[in-house]
Structures are given as structure tokens and as C-alpha cells.
Amino acid sequence: MAEAFYETLLNTSPLGISYAWRTVPGGYRPLHWHNEVELMFPLNGNTDIVIDGEKHVLMKKHLLVIEARRLHSTYTYDTRSMFLRIHLSREKLAAYLPELDTREIRCLPDAIPDEQFEPYLYICGMLEDLTRLYVKGGMTFSLEAEGMILQIFARLVEHFSVPILPEEAALSGGRTRERLKQVISFVEEHYQEPLSPEDGAELLNVGEEYFCRLFKKNMGMTFLQYVNEIRVSHIYSDLVQTDLPIAEIASGHGFTNQKLFNRTFKSIYGCTPSQARRAAEMRGGEA
């Protein structure tokens, strides 16, 4: 079953904290979002992350924070990438920080000013300590881990939170963003089927022309481009992990036009599907 691009981690604690060390296939992951604040800390390789249309480079053992309900996509360069990912519920943490609703975390590694560099390195060190604690394990691991995560979040609030301007608050909670999220979830559920802008317009109960303008303005691409990117992201995983014929994989994920599939794939990965498969095989042979 395809993983929904509205995402949450499992095993959420009573404090609204979820965390996991995950190894994921490399490649492109289309736009998605979380209701929680997300802390991303890669343990190997580099990752490109686009948040609300702005690209950031995240190097290994550096932290990047994605605020709640922000649309973002990722591209990892390694065949297998390992991340420590932490999700934090704003609603539950507001019980300890009532003013949290008026502030947001801005912690992007390629935009850290000099005065924040020292606390940033300290927080990254805490995340490395958390990973060592995970490797060590033990009866008290969960208790210690959540205590460390709360300390990390407290330092993020202290050093990296800024007031939310009224117009930014209106935008982040705006109806347009929520409606687009409906479309994203719909595409993830139905991407293997024939889809057209008419389907998106019908979902939002608006005219097709208005829907097309709304989608492109807010997503930076047409509806059909987005659908095809979702398809390609799923195809890549099957391409490098199975020996099924490429044409069969493509058609199974909704592509009926082979030329369009090849063009879309190359625009995202910079190579043909056959080249991507050969490169993955070579990397696997070197492991």
C-alpha cells in the first residue's frame, strides 16, 4: 500500500513526541506535510529539501527544522539514507509554553547567523548523543530520550524562535493551504489511476480553470506535473529494488505514455531509468 503524503510517525508519547531512526531509499520524495514540527538529522549523505518553494541543503549530522503544516519535498543522493526524525506536537507542548502559538522555529543550516552558530552546534551535538543513546538501548531509553528531546526543543525555542507576524499566521492557517492538502492526499491515493485537472477541480468544488491557476500559483507546477512527480517517486523505489521490466513498473504506477515517463524521470533524477537502475546495481555490488 502506498504511504500517504500526509505523514506522522508512530508511537506518539503522551507529550506528543514521536521519533525514529529510519533508513530510506534514496531519491526524490514529492511535496508532503505533517501536523507536527519536524526535526530532520541525517546520519549519512546530503539531502536537498524544498520548503514552501525555497531550497535548502542539509548535510549529514546537521539539523533542519520544518514547522508544522509546511509543504516540503526531499531529494537524497545516497542509495540508502539514514535519518533521525523527530515530530513534536505544538498543541501538547503549548501546555508548557503558552506563548508557543505566537512563535515559530526558524532553524535552517544554510541560514544560521554567527550569533546562533554556537547554540546550533550544541543542539547538533545533543542529537548525536541521542543517537548514541539509541545504539546503547536499555530499560530507561525511552525516558531518557524524551527528556533529551524536550531539552533540544527548549533550546530551539530559546535560540531559534521568532514572533509570527499576523499576515504570516493568516497565511499558514489559510483555507487555500488546507484545500491544497486535500488535493495532495487525493493524488497520493489515486496516482495509479488516470487523473486530470478536472478531478482536482471537482474535489474542491471549483471551476477547472480556477483550480489550475490556484494549483500552479501555490505549488509552482501544474497539476499534471505534480501527479507525474508522485508517480516517478514511487517508480524509482521499484526500479532500484526489483528486476521487473521498466515499462511494466511505469504502467503499474499510472504512466501510459513511455516518452512522457522517460522525460519526467530524467528531469528529476538527471538520468534515464535504465541508468538509474545500473547505478543502483553498481552501488549495491560495492557494498
Protein backbone atom coordinates (compact mmCIF):
# COMPACT_ATOMS: atom_id res chain seq x y z
CA MET A 1 0.00 0.00 0.00
CA ALA A 2 1.33 3.46 -0.87
CA GLU A 3 2.41 5.64 2.02
CA ALA A 4 0.21 8.70 2.39
CA PHE A 5 1.94 12.01 1.93
CA TYR A 6 0.12 13.35 4.94
CA GLU A 7 2.53 11.79 7.38
CA THR A 8 3.03 11.11 11.03
CA LEU A 9 5.39 8.87 13.00
CA LEU A 10 4.04 6.08 15.13
CA ASN A 11 4.32 5.55 18.89
CA THR A 12 3.49 9.10 19.90
CA SER A 13 4.07 9.69 23.61
CA PRO A 14 1.58 11.45 25.93
CA LEU A 15 3.73 14.58 25.43
CA GLY A 16 3.16 14.49 21.68
CA ILE A 17 6.72 13.36 20.89
CA SER A 18 7.47 10.83 18.13
CA TYR A 19 10.92 9.82 16.97
CA ALA A 20 12.56 7.19 14.81
CA TRP A 21 15.87 6.26 13.24
CA ARG A 22 14.95 5.27 9.70
CA THR A 23 16.86 4.04 6.68
CA VAL A 24 15.04 5.05 3.50
CA PRO A 25 15.72 4.57 -0.23
CA GLY A 26 17.48 7.45 -1.91
CA GLY A 27 15.79 9.63 -4.48
CA TYR A 28 13.02 12.18 -4.68
CA ARG A 29 10.10 12.46 -2.33
CA PRO A 30 7.34 14.82 -3.52
CA LEU A 31 5.59 17.51 -1.51
CA HIS A 32 4.02 16.38 1.76
CA TRP A 33 3.36 17.80 5.21
CA HIS A 34 2.91 16.97 8.90
CA ASN A 35 0.70 18.44 11.59
CA GLU A 36 3.76 18.39 13.86
CA VAL A 37 7.05 20.28 13.94
CA GLU A 38 9.68 18.02 12.32
CA LEU A 39 13.38 17.83 13.22
CA MET A 40 15.48 16.20 10.48
CA PHE A 41 19.01 15.00 11.30
CA PRO A 42 20.67 12.89 8.56
CA LEU A 43 23.35 10.44 9.69
CA ASN A 44 24.83 9.98 6.22
CA GLY A 45 24.87 11.77 2.89
CA ASN A 46 23.43 15.10 1.84
CA THR A 47 19.79 15.99 1.26
CA ASP A 48 18.11 18.77 -0.70
CA ILE A 49 14.92 19.99 0.97
CA VAL A 50 12.40 22.39 -0.57
CA ILE A 51 10.12 24.11 1.97
CA ASP A 52 7.33 26.30 0.61
CA GLY A 53 9.23 26.64 -2.66
CA GLU A 54 12.64 27.51 -1.12
CA LYS A 55 15.54 25.05 -1.49
CA HIS A 56 17.90 24.21 1.38
CA VAL A 57 20.92 21.88 1.52
CA LEU A 58 21.09 19.63 4.58
CA MET A 59 24.45 17.94 5.19
CA LYS A 60 24.97 14.89 7.38
CA LYS A 61 24.85 15.48 11.13
CA HIS A 62 23.25 18.88 10.67
CA LEU A 63 19.78 19.79 11.89
CA LEU A 64 16.95 21.30 9.90
CA VAL A 65 13.57 22.17 11.42
CA ILE A 66 10.36 22.10 9.37
CA GLU A 67 7.50 23.91 11.03
CA ALA A 68 4.06 22.29 11.32
CA ARG A 69 1.89 22.14 8.21
CA ARG A 70 4.63 23.35 5.83
CA LEU A 71 4.68 21.73 2.41
CA HIS A 72 8.09 20.23 1.70
CA SER A 73 9.86 17.78 -0.58
CA THR A 74 13.21 15.98 -0.23
CA TYR A 75 15.90 14.58 -2.51
CA THR A 76 18.54 12.26 -1.03
CA TYR A 77 21.63 11.42 -3.04
CA ASP A 78 22.73 8.17 -1.38
CA THR A 79 21.11 4.86 -2.36
CA ARG A 80 20.19 4.35 1.30
CA SER A 81 19.89 7.28 3.69
CA MET A 82 19.55 7.10 7.47
CA PHE A 83 17.77 9.85 9.38
CA LEU A 84 16.88 10.64 12.93
CA ARG A 85 13.45 12.23 12.58
CA ILE A 86 11.55 13.78 15.47
CA HIS A 87 7.97 15.05 15.40
CA LEU A 88 6.66 17.36 18.14
CA SER A 89 3.03 18.29 18.71
CA ARG A 90 2.62 22.04 19.05
CA GLU A 91 -0.74 21.58 20.74
CA LYS A 92 0.61 19.40 23.56
CA LEU A 93 3.83 21.35 24.09
CA ALA A 94 1.79 24.57 24.38
CA ALA A 95 0.79 23.32 27.83
CA TYR A 96 4.40 24.08 28.88
CA LEU A 97 4.86 27.09 26.57
CA PRO A 98 1.56 29.00 26.25
CA GLU A 99 3.29 31.63 24.05
CA LEU A 100 4.29 28.93 21.52
CA ASP A 101 1.23 29.76 19.40
CA THR A 102 2.71 33.20 18.71
CA ARG A 103 6.15 31.97 17.64
CA GLU A 104 7.70 29.67 15.06
CA ILE A 105 11.05 27.86 14.86
CA ARG A 106 13.40 29.01 12.11
CA CYS A 107 16.41 26.72 12.10
CA LEU A 108 17.87 26.18 8.62
CA PRO A 109 21.54 25.12 8.45
CA ASP A 110 22.33 27.22 5.37
CA ALA A 111 20.92 30.36 7.02
CA ILE A 112 22.40 30.32 10.55
CA PRO A 113 23.74 33.76 11.59
CA ASP A 114 27.03 33.95 13.51
CA GLU A 115 25.35 34.65 16.86
CA GLN A 116 23.30 31.43 16.58
CA PHE A 117 26.11 29.18 15.38
CA GLU A 118 27.30 28.08 18.83
CA PRO A 119 23.83 27.03 20.14
CA TYR A 120 23.19 25.36 16.77
CA LEU A 121 26.33 23.19 17.09
CA TYR A 122 25.39 22.40 20.69
CA ILE A 123 21.95 21.15 19.60
CA CYS A 124 23.51 19.04 16.82
CA GLY A 125 25.80 17.52 19.46
CA MET A 126 22.75 16.68 21.59
CA LEU A 127 21.21 14.86 18.60
CA GLU A 128 24.41 12.84 18.21
CA ASP A 129 24.23 11.99 21.93
CA LEU A 130 20.62 10.92 21.41
CA THR A 131 21.72 8.59 18.60
CA ARG A 132 24.43 7.07 20.82
CA LEU A 133 21.79 6.55 23.50
CA TYR A 134 19.63 4.75 20.92
CA VAL A 135 22.51 2.42 20.00
CA LYS A 136 23.15 1.70 23.68
CA GLY A 137 19.46 0.99 24.41
CA GLY A 138 18.46 -0.18 27.85
CA MET A 139 15.43 -0.17 30.13
CA THR A 140 15.36 3.60 30.60
CA PHE A 141 15.99 4.53 26.95
CA SER A 142 12.51 5.98 26.21
CA LEU A 143 12.51 8.06 29.39
CA GLU A 144 15.98 9.45 28.74
CA ALA A 145 15.30 10.00 25.03
CA GLU A 146 12.15 12.06 25.63
CA GLY A 147 13.94 14.11 28.28
CA MET A 148 16.72 14.91 25.80
CA ILE A 149 14.21 15.79 23.07
CA LEU A 150 12.45 18.22 25.40
CA GLN A 151 15.80 19.84 26.17
CA ILE A 152 16.55 20.12 22.45
CA PHE A 153 13.18 21.73 21.76
CA ALA A 154 13.63 24.14 24.69
CA ARG A 155 16.92 25.32 23.20
CA LEU A 156 15.33 25.68 19.77
CA VAL A 157 12.60 27.86 21.26
CA GLU A 158 15.16 29.88 23.23
CA HIS A 159 17.59 30.50 20.35
CA PHE A 160 15.68 29.96 17.10
CA SER A 161 12.06 31.00 17.64
CA VAL A 162 10.73 34.25 16.23
CA PRO A 163 7.35 36.01 16.57
CA ILE A 164 4.80 35.11 13.91
CA LEU A 165 3.58 38.19 12.07
CA PRO A 166 -0.24 38.46 11.78
CA GLU A 167 -0.13 38.14 7.98
CA GLU A 168 2.11 35.04 8.23
CA ALA A 169 -0.25 33.48 10.75
CA ALA A 170 -3.17 34.08 8.41
CA LEU A 171 -1.26 32.51 5.51
CA SER A 172 -0.09 29.43 7.44
CA GLY A 173 -3.62 28.75 8.64
CA GLY A 174 -5.29 29.80 5.44
CA ARG A 175 -8.03 27.90 3.69
CA THR A 176 -6.02 27.66 0.46
CA ARG A 177 -3.29 25.59 2.11
CA GLU A 178 -5.82 23.20 3.62
CA ARG A 179 -7.60 22.78 0.30
CA LEU A 180 -4.34 22.00 -1.47
CA LYS A 181 -3.57 19.40 1.14
CA GLN A 182 -6.86 17.72 0.21
CA VAL A 183 -5.61 17.53 -3.35
CA ILE A 184 -2.21 16.14 -2.31
CA SER A 185 -3.85 13.36 -0.29
CA PHE A 186 -6.22 12.60 -3.17
CA VAL A 187 -3.35 12.30 -5.66
CA GLU A 188 -1.35 10.03 -3.36
CA GLU A 189 -4.34 7.73 -3.03
CA HIS A 190 -5.24 7.68 -6.75
CA TYR A 191 -1.95 8.35 -8.61
CA GLN A 192 -2.06 4.92 -10.30
CA GLU A 193 -5.35 5.85 -11.96
CA PRO A 194 -5.91 8.30 -14.85
CA LEU A 195 -6.09 11.79 -13.33
CA SER A 196 -6.85 15.20 -14.82
CA PRO A 197 -7.26 18.78 -13.55
CA GLU A 198 -11.00 18.17 -13.74
CA ASP A 199 -10.65 15.64 -10.90
CA GLY A 200 -8.91 18.23 -8.70
CA ALA A 201 -11.47 20.89 -9.54
CA GLU A 202 -14.32 18.52 -8.71
CA LEU A 203 -12.68 17.63 -5.40
CA LEU A 204 -12.57 21.29 -4.36
CA ASN A 205 -15.90 22.09 -6.00
CA VAL A 206 -14.43 24.87 -8.16
CA GLY A 207 -14.09 25.51 -11.89
CA GLU A 208 -11.27 23.75 -13.72
CA GLU A 209 -9.62 26.97 -14.92
CA TYR A 210 -9.64 28.44 -11.40
CA PHE A 211 -8.27 25.20 -9.98
CA CYS A 212 -5.37 25.15 -12.47
CA ARG A 213 -4.41 28.75 -11.60
CA LEU A 214 -4.71 28.08 -7.86
CA PHE A 215 -2.60 24.92 -8.00
CA LYS A 216 0.21 26.36 -10.11
CA LYS A 217 0.41 29.57 -8.11
CA ASN A 218 0.78 27.74 -4.80
CA MET A 219 2.66 24.60 -5.86
CA GLY A 220 4.96 26.04 -8.51
CA MET A 221 3.92 23.44 -11.09
CA THR A 222 0.83 22.29 -12.94
CA PHE A 223 -1.46 19.63 -11.51
CA LEU A 224 -0.37 17.06 -14.10
CA GLN A 225 3.32 17.76 -13.45
CA TYR A 226 2.71 17.10 -9.78
CA VAL A 227 0.83 13.87 -10.49
CA ASN A 228 3.70 12.65 -12.65
CA GLU A 229 6.27 13.53 -9.98
CA ILE A 230 4.31 11.46 -7.46
CA ARG A 231 4.28 8.55 -9.91
CA VAL A 232 8.02 8.80 -10.58
CA SER A 233 8.85 8.86 -6.87
CA HIS A 234 7.10 5.52 -6.42
CA ILE A 235 8.59 4.12 -9.62
CA TYR A 236 12.16 4.87 -8.50
CA SER A 237 11.82 2.62 -5.45
CA ASP A 238 10.60 -0.33 -7.55
CA LEU A 239 13.21 0.40 -10.21
CA VAL A 240 16.20 0.02 -7.88
CA GLN A 241 14.78 -2.70 -5.63
CA THR A 242 13.25 -5.11 -8.17
CA ASP A 243 14.20 -6.57 -11.56
CA LEU A 244 10.76 -6.03 -13.09
CA PRO A 245 10.76 -4.59 -16.64
CA ILE A 246 10.87 -0.79 -16.57
CA ALA A 247 7.83 -0.44 -18.84
CA GLU A 248 5.83 -2.72 -16.53
CA ILE A 249 6.80 -0.67 -13.47
CA ALA A 250 5.89 2.59 -15.21
CA SER A 251 2.49 1.40 -16.38
CA GLY A 252 1.75 -0.09 -12.96
CA HIS A 253 2.22 3.36 -11.43
CA GLY A 254 -0.03 5.20 -13.87
CA PHE A 255 2.20 6.11 -16.83
CA THR A 256 0.64 5.17 -20.18
CA ASN A 257 3.00 7.36 -22.23
CA GLN A 258 6.55 5.96 -22.23
CA LYS A 259 8.12 9.12 -23.68
CA LEU A 260 6.47 11.27 -21.03
CA PHE A 261 7.67 8.89 -18.33
CA ASN A 262 11.27 8.97 -19.59
CA ARG A 263 11.24 12.76 -19.86
CA THR A 264 9.76 13.23 -16.38
CA PHE A 265 12.16 10.74 -14.83
CA LYS A 266 15.21 12.40 -16.37
CA SER A 267 14.07 15.88 -15.33
CA ILE A 268 14.01 14.75 -11.68
CA TYR A 269 16.94 12.32 -11.48
CA GLY A 270 19.17 13.64 -14.25
CA CYS A 271 19.46 10.25 -15.95
CA THR A 272 17.34 7.65 -17.72
CA PRO A 273 15.52 4.90 -15.76
CA SER A 274 17.99 2.31 -17.14
CA GLN A 275 20.96 4.39 -15.99
CA ALA A 276 19.43 4.79 -12.53
CA ARG A 277 18.95 1.03 -12.24
CA ARG A 278 22.54 0.31 -13.36
CA ALA A 279 23.94 2.88 -10.92
CA ALA A 280 21.97 1.31 -8.06
CA GLU A 281 23.22 -2.16 -9.03
CA MET A 282 26.82 -0.92 -9.06
CA ARG A 283 26.45 0.70 -5.64
CA GLY A 284 24.89 -2.49 -4.32
CA GLY A 285 27.79 -4.53 -5.66
CA GLU A 286 30.26 -2.27 -3.90
CA ALA A 287 28.51 -2.64 -0.52
